[in-house]
Amino acid sequence: MQAWDQFLNELERELGQKTVQKWLRTLKVVHFDACNLYLEAPDAFQMLWFEEHIRKKASRSLKNNNFRPIKVHLTASGSDSRIKEKRGRKVTKEIKSDERRGVETVEFSMGEEHH
């Protein structure tokens, strides 16, 4: 996806090539359309790193050809997913923003899987 590649190139100038290579180029593009980008991280730790360091930048900078924002959907693969399935639990992410203090909090919780 061209917009993702351009975003990564911008981040290389800001964060350095080694950081982008380690933390972002290893994300797998699963699917994309005009307004959504679905990425898969190798593990939950890399997913948390993205949420802490990149999510806000992506929300501001990642745009499609019509200059509309592209929403990034991120999941973790690998052993974390298998553990989650075995335990029958669902990981839920909630983002809370406090505009007055300029703070964005990401909370992860485990709950029962509903079928």
C-alpha atoms as a PDB file:
ATOM      1  CA  MET A   1       0.000   0.000   0.000  1.00  0.00           C
ATOM      2  CA  GLN A   2       1.517   3.255  -1.174  1.00  0.00           C
ATOM      3  CA  ALA A   3       0.240   5.444   1.693  1.00  0.00           C
ATOM      4  CA  TRP A   4       1.691   3.030   4.297  1.00  0.00           C
ATOM      5  CA  ASP A   5       5.067   2.927   2.539  1.00  0.00           C
ATOM      6  CA  GLN A   6       5.174   6.740   2.355  1.00  0.00           C
ATOM      7  CA  PHE A   7       4.260   6.960   6.052  1.00  0.00           C
ATOM      8  CA  LEU A   8       7.081   4.544   6.947  1.00  0.00           C
ATOM      9  CA  ASN A   9       9.555   6.562   4.869  1.00  0.00           C
ATOM     10  CA  GLU A  10       8.532   9.724   6.769  1.00  0.00           C
ATOM     11  CA  LEU A  11       8.980   7.909  10.066  1.00  0.00           C
ATOM     12  CA  GLU A  12      12.462   6.746   9.028  1.00  0.00           C
ATOM     13  CA  ARG A  13      13.508  10.396   8.801  1.00  0.00           C
ATOM     14  CA  GLU A  14      11.977  11.099  12.211  1.00  0.00           C
ATOM     15  CA  LEU A  15      12.760   7.909  14.180  1.00  0.00           C
ATOM     16  CA  GLY A  16      15.636   6.391  12.222  1.00  0.00           C
ATOM     17  CA  GLN A  17      15.825   3.484   9.803  1.00  0.00           C
ATOM     18  CA  LYS A  18      16.703   0.859  12.457  1.00  0.00           C
ATOM     19  CA  THR A  19      13.679   1.703  14.596  1.00  0.00           C
ATOM     20  CA  VAL A  20      11.266   1.618  11.655  1.00  0.00           C
ATOM     21  CA  GLN A  21      12.781  -1.634  10.382  1.00  0.00           C
ATOM     22  CA  LYS A  22      12.501  -3.337  13.782  1.00  0.00           C
ATOM     23  CA  TRP A  23       9.085  -2.118  14.891  1.00  0.00           C
ATOM     24  CA  LEU A  24       7.085  -1.194  11.771  1.00  0.00           C
ATOM     25  CA  ARG A  25       8.333  -2.887   8.615  1.00  0.00           C
ATOM     26  CA  THR A  26       7.794  -6.232  10.341  1.00  0.00           C
ATOM     27  CA  LEU A  27       4.048  -5.532  10.561  1.00  0.00           C
ATOM     28  CA  LYS A  28       2.190  -7.572   7.959  1.00  0.00           C
ATOM     29  CA  VAL A  29      -0.350  -5.787   5.740  1.00  0.00           C
ATOM     30  CA  VAL A  30      -3.319  -8.165   5.848  1.00  0.00           C
ATOM     31  CA  HIS A  31      -5.838  -6.077   3.903  1.00  0.00           C
ATOM     32  CA  PHE A  32      -6.477  -2.488   2.917  1.00  0.00           C
ATOM     33  CA  ASP A  33      -9.077  -0.354   1.203  1.00  0.00           C
ATOM     34  CA  ALA A  34      -9.492   3.397   0.677  1.00  0.00           C
ATOM     35  CA  CYS A  35     -10.050   4.208   4.357  1.00  0.00           C
ATOM     36  CA  ASN A  36      -8.795   1.167   6.310  1.00  0.00           C
ATOM     37  CA  LEU A  37      -5.464  -0.570   6.767  1.00  0.00           C
ATOM     38  CA  TYR A  38      -5.411  -3.944   8.535  1.00  0.00           C
ATOM     39  CA  LEU A  39      -2.027  -4.838  10.016  1.00  0.00           C
ATOM     40  CA  GLU A  40      -0.858  -7.878  11.944  1.00  0.00           C
ATOM     41  CA  ALA A  41       1.928  -7.681  14.528  1.00  0.00           C
ATOM     42  CA  PRO A  42       4.057 -10.722  15.348  1.00  0.00           C
ATOM     43  CA  ASP A  43       3.160 -10.413  19.053  1.00  0.00           C
ATOM     44  CA  ALA A  44       1.265  -8.329  21.599  1.00  0.00           C
ATOM     45  CA  PHE A  45       4.421  -6.473  22.702  1.00  0.00           C
ATOM     46  CA  GLN A  46       4.934  -5.043  19.218  1.00  0.00           C
ATOM     47  CA  MET A  47       1.249  -4.151  19.094  1.00  0.00           C
ATOM     48  CA  LEU A  48       1.584  -2.236  22.373  1.00  0.00           C
ATOM     49  CA  TRP A  49       4.688  -0.459  21.055  1.00  0.00           C
ATOM     50  CA  PHE A  50       2.708   0.672  18.006  1.00  0.00           C
ATOM     51  CA  GLU A  51      -0.122   1.943  20.214  1.00  0.00           C
ATOM     52  CA  GLU A  52       2.266   3.884  22.429  1.00  0.00           C
ATOM     53  CA  HIS A  53       4.586   5.369  19.794  1.00  0.00           C
ATOM     54  CA  ILE A  54       2.848   5.386  16.404  1.00  0.00           C
ATOM     55  CA  ARG A  55      -0.972   5.361  16.704  1.00  0.00           C
ATOM     56  CA  LYS A  56      -1.299   9.125  17.176  1.00  0.00           C
ATOM     57  CA  LYS A  57       1.146   9.879  14.324  1.00  0.00           C
ATOM     58  CA  ALA A  58      -0.744   7.502  12.020  1.00  0.00           C
ATOM     59  CA  SER A  59      -4.052   9.154  12.890  1.00  0.00           C
ATOM     60  CA  ARG A  60      -2.617  12.552  11.939  1.00  0.00           C
ATOM     61  CA  SER A  61      -0.501  11.628   8.917  1.00  0.00           C
ATOM     62  CA  LEU A  62      -1.866   8.537   7.197  1.00  0.00           C
ATOM     63  CA  LYS A  63      -4.178   9.767   4.414  1.00  0.00           C
ATOM     64  CA  ASN A  64      -5.519   8.280   1.182  1.00  0.00           C
ATOM     65  CA  ASN A  65      -5.348   9.889  -2.286  1.00  0.00           C
ATOM     66  CA  ASN A  66      -8.406  12.016  -1.436  1.00  0.00           C
ATOM     67  CA  PHE A  67      -6.705  13.275   1.752  1.00  0.00           C
ATOM     68  CA  ARG A  68      -9.119  11.359   3.956  1.00  0.00           C
ATOM     69  CA  PRO A  69      -7.740   9.616   7.035  1.00  0.00           C
ATOM     70  CA  ILE A  70      -6.871   5.929   6.833  1.00  0.00           C
ATOM     71  CA  LYS A  71      -7.816   4.048  10.001  1.00  0.00           C
ATOM     72  CA  VAL A  72      -5.282   1.452  11.143  1.00  0.00           C
ATOM     73  CA  HIS A  73      -6.646  -1.810  12.565  1.00  0.00           C
ATOM     74  CA  LEU A  74      -3.975  -3.798  14.379  1.00  0.00           C
ATOM     75  CA  THR A  75      -4.039  -7.369  15.650  1.00  0.00           C
ATOM     76  CA  ALA A  76      -1.376  -9.646  17.123  1.00  0.00           C
ATOM     77  CA  SER A  77      -0.637 -13.094  15.746  1.00  0.00           C
ATOM     78  CA  GLY A  78       1.449 -16.008  16.938  1.00  0.00           C
ATOM     79  CA  SER A  79       1.435 -17.588  20.362  1.00  0.00           C
ATOM     80  CA  ASP A  80      -0.634 -14.812  21.952  1.00  0.00           C
ATOM     81  CA  SER A  81      -3.562 -15.650  19.664  1.00  0.00           C
ATOM     82  CA  ARG A  82      -3.283 -19.372  20.349  1.00  0.00           C
ATOM     83  CA  ILE A  83      -3.233 -18.780  24.105  1.00  0.00           C
ATOM     84  CA  LYS A  84      -6.258 -16.507  23.800  1.00  0.00           C
ATOM     85  CA  GLU A  85      -8.177 -19.159  21.862  1.00  0.00           C
ATOM     86  CA  LYS A  86      -7.290 -21.952  24.292  1.00  0.00           C
ATOM     87  CA  ARG A  87      -8.490 -19.962  27.247  1.00  0.00           C
ATOM     88  CA  GLY A  88     -11.668 -18.903  25.445  1.00  0.00           C
ATOM     89  CA  ARG A  89     -11.035 -15.255  26.200  1.00  0.00           C
ATOM     90  CA  LYS A  90     -11.256 -12.099  24.149  1.00  0.00           C
ATOM     91  CA  VAL A  91      -8.783  -9.220  24.391  1.00  0.00           C
ATOM     92  CA  THR A  92     -10.497  -5.845  24.361  1.00  0.00           C
ATOM     93  CA  LYS A  93      -8.766  -2.533  23.717  1.00  0.00           C
ATOM     94  CA  GLU A  94     -10.258   0.754  24.822  1.00  0.00           C
ATOM     95  CA  ILE A  95      -8.766   4.138  24.012  1.00  0.00           C
ATOM     96  CA  LYS A  96      -9.701   7.024  26.284  1.00  0.00           C
ATOM     97  CA  SER A  97      -8.811  10.604  25.422  1.00  0.00           C
ATOM     98  CA  ASP A  98      -8.611  13.556  27.765  1.00  0.00           C
ATOM     99  CA  GLU A  99      -8.376  16.542  25.405  1.00  0.00           C
ATOM    100  CA  ARG A 100      -7.883  19.045  28.239  1.00  0.00           C
ATOM    101  CA  ARG A 101      -4.709  17.349  29.467  1.00  0.00           C
ATOM    102  CA  GLY A 102      -3.621  16.121  26.025  1.00  0.00           C
ATOM    103  CA  VAL A 103      -3.537  12.522  27.251  1.00  0.00           C
ATOM    104  CA  GLU A 104      -4.607   9.381  25.447  1.00  0.00           C
ATOM    105  CA  THR A 105      -4.809   6.154  27.460  1.00  0.00           C
ATOM    106  CA  VAL A 106      -4.918   2.672  25.950  1.00  0.00           C
ATOM    107  CA  GLU A 107      -6.334  -0.074  28.168  1.00  0.00           C
ATOM    108  CA  PHE A 108      -6.327  -3.789  27.395  1.00  0.00           C
ATOM    109  CA  SER A 109      -8.542  -6.226  29.260  1.00  0.00           C
ATOM    110  CA  MET A 110      -9.377  -9.917  29.019  1.00  0.00           C
ATOM    111  CA  GLY A 111     -12.965 -11.085  29.090  1.00  0.00           C
ATOM    112  CA  GLU A 112     -15.012 -14.120  28.178  1.00  0.00           C
ATOM    113  CA  GLU A 113     -15.371 -14.848  24.467  1.00  0.00           C
ATOM    114  CA  HIS A 114     -18.986 -14.571  23.278  1.00  0.00           C
ATOM    115  CA  HIS A 115     -20.116 -16.943  20.516  1.00  0.00           C
END
